[in-house]
Amino acid sequence: VRPYEVVRVPCEHQEVVHIRHCHGTEREPAVIEIPVVAKYFVIEHCSHIFVEVSCAVDDCKIHCSEHVQLIVGGECPAISLRDVHECHITVCPETMRGAVQTTNCSGVCLLG
């Protein structure tokens, strides 16, 4: 991803979205938009990324990543974090359907 470039994930309604090995920089995080309802999505082995998803139906996982900012605009299921460091997650408290589970994580901030 080039600086100032926004990646829009071209998917149909309720697809599986897997973001893997995506890296930005501290000054210029990679920006990824998922403008539709995702069945579930996984962020894996990423650093310095900003992800905005309209809604997730079944699952949300972030593994082996650092400096991730995630915004879930609508309904949000349980969120699983494993080996994640410096992560900010913003959800709507009224539409959060599950818990946030962390394993071997540090610097995780949940905002609503």
Protein backbone atom coordinates (compact mmCIF):
# COMPACT_ATOMS: atom_id res chain seq x y z
CA VAL A 1 0.00 0.00 0.00
CA ARG A 2 1.40 3.36 -1.01
CA PRO A 3 1.20 6.38 1.32
CA TYR A 4 -2.19 8.11 1.20
CA GLU A 5 -3.68 5.19 -0.74
CA VAL A 6 -6.91 3.71 0.58
CA VAL A 7 -7.54 0.05 -0.18
CA ARG A 8 -11.23 -0.69 -0.64
CA VAL A 9 -11.95 -4.40 -0.37
CA PRO A 10 -14.17 -5.32 -3.35
CA CYS A 11 -16.53 -7.90 -1.95
CA GLU A 12 -20.18 -8.75 -2.06
CA HIS A 13 -22.54 -9.05 0.89
CA GLN A 14 -21.38 -11.33 3.73
CA GLU A 15 -18.07 -12.55 2.39
CA VAL A 16 -15.03 -13.71 4.31
CA VAL A 17 -12.31 -11.04 4.39
CA HIS A 18 -8.74 -12.02 5.25
CA ILE A 19 -6.13 -9.25 5.56
CA ARG A 20 -2.66 -10.74 5.76
CA HIS A 21 0.89 -9.30 5.74
CA CYS A 22 -0.21 -5.70 5.28
CA HIS A 23 2.21 -3.09 6.63
CA GLY A 24 2.14 0.66 6.85
CA THR A 25 4.48 2.92 8.78
CA GLU A 26 4.08 4.83 12.02
CA ARG A 27 3.66 8.06 10.03
CA GLU A 28 1.58 6.55 7.24
CA PRO A 29 -0.58 3.61 8.31
CA ALA A 30 -2.09 1.45 5.59
CA VAL A 31 -5.80 2.29 5.29
CA ILE A 32 -8.24 -0.51 4.43
CA GLU A 33 -11.98 -0.05 4.01
CA ILE A 34 -14.50 -2.89 3.95
CA PRO A 35 -17.67 -1.05 2.86
CA VAL A 36 -20.06 -4.00 3.08
CA VAL A 37 -21.23 -6.47 5.70
CA ALA A 38 -18.50 -9.08 6.16
CA LYS A 39 -19.47 -12.60 7.26
CA TYR A 40 -16.27 -12.55 9.26
CA PHE A 41 -12.84 -11.06 8.91
CA VAL A 42 -9.33 -11.90 9.99
CA ILE A 43 -6.37 -9.54 10.32
CA GLU A 44 -3.10 -11.47 10.52
CA HIS A 45 0.62 -10.59 10.56
CA CYS A 46 -0.02 -6.86 9.98
CA SER A 47 1.46 -3.68 11.41
CA HIS A 48 0.52 -0.01 11.33
CA ILE A 49 -2.87 -0.45 9.68
CA PHE A 50 -6.21 1.33 9.97
CA VAL A 51 -9.21 -0.87 9.11
CA GLU A 52 -12.80 0.33 8.83
CA VAL A 53 -15.51 -2.30 8.38
CA SER A 54 -19.23 -1.57 8.01
CA CYS A 55 -20.40 -4.61 9.94
CA ALA A 56 -19.28 -8.14 10.83
CA VAL A 57 -21.80 -10.94 11.23
CA ASP A 58 -20.06 -14.01 12.66
CA ASP A 59 -16.51 -13.41 13.79
CA CYS A 60 -13.64 -10.95 14.06
CA LYS A 61 -10.06 -12.10 14.68
CA ILE A 62 -6.78 -10.22 14.90
CA HIS A 63 -3.66 -12.36 15.24
CA CYS A 64 0.10 -11.69 15.37
CA SER A 65 -0.23 -7.98 14.61
CA GLU A 66 0.74 -4.64 16.09
CA HIS A 67 -0.38 -1.02 15.87
CA VAL A 68 -3.81 -1.88 14.50
CA GLN A 69 -6.73 0.55 14.57
CA LEU A 70 -10.07 -1.10 13.89
CA ILE A 71 -13.46 0.61 13.56
CA VAL A 72 -16.58 -1.54 13.28
CA GLY A 73 -19.48 0.67 12.22
CA GLY A 74 -22.43 -1.63 12.81
CA GLU A 75 -23.09 -4.99 14.38
CA CYS A 76 -20.02 -6.61 15.89
CA PRO A 77 -19.67 -10.20 17.12
CA ALA A 78 -17.10 -11.41 19.61
CA ILE A 79 -13.56 -10.25 18.90
CA SER A 80 -10.59 -12.59 19.36
CA LEU A 81 -7.10 -11.13 19.76
CA ARG A 82 -3.96 -13.30 19.92
CA ASP A 83 -0.41 -11.95 20.06
CA VAL A 84 -1.61 -8.41 19.36
CA HIS A 85 0.16 -5.31 20.65
CA GLU A 86 -0.96 -1.66 20.60
CA CYS A 87 -4.42 -2.14 19.16
CA HIS A 88 -7.36 0.29 19.31
CA ILE A 89 -10.81 -1.08 18.59
CA THR A 90 -13.85 1.17 18.22
CA VAL A 91 -17.31 -0.40 18.30
CA CYS A 92 -20.85 0.75 18.89
CA PRO A 93 -21.75 -0.52 22.41
CA GLU A 94 -25.40 -0.99 21.43
CA THR A 95 -24.53 -3.45 18.65
CA MET A 96 -21.66 -5.36 20.31
CA ARG A 97 -22.91 -8.95 20.55
CA GLY A 98 -19.99 -10.68 22.21
CA ALA A 99 -16.93 -10.39 24.36
CA VAL A 100 -13.37 -9.38 23.57
CA GLN A 101 -11.02 -12.29 24.21
CA THR A 102 -7.28 -11.63 24.43
CA THR A 103 -4.34 -14.03 24.57
CA ASN A 104 -0.77 -12.79 24.96
CA CYS A 105 -1.71 -9.17 24.13
CA SER A 106 -0.62 -5.77 25.39
CA GLY A 107 -1.79 -2.20 24.83
CA VAL A 108 -5.31 -3.14 23.72
CA CYS A 109 -7.87 -0.34 24.01
CA LEU A 110 -11.61 -0.83 23.45
CA LEU A 111 -13.53 2.36 22.64
CA GLY A 112 -17.26 2.84 22.25
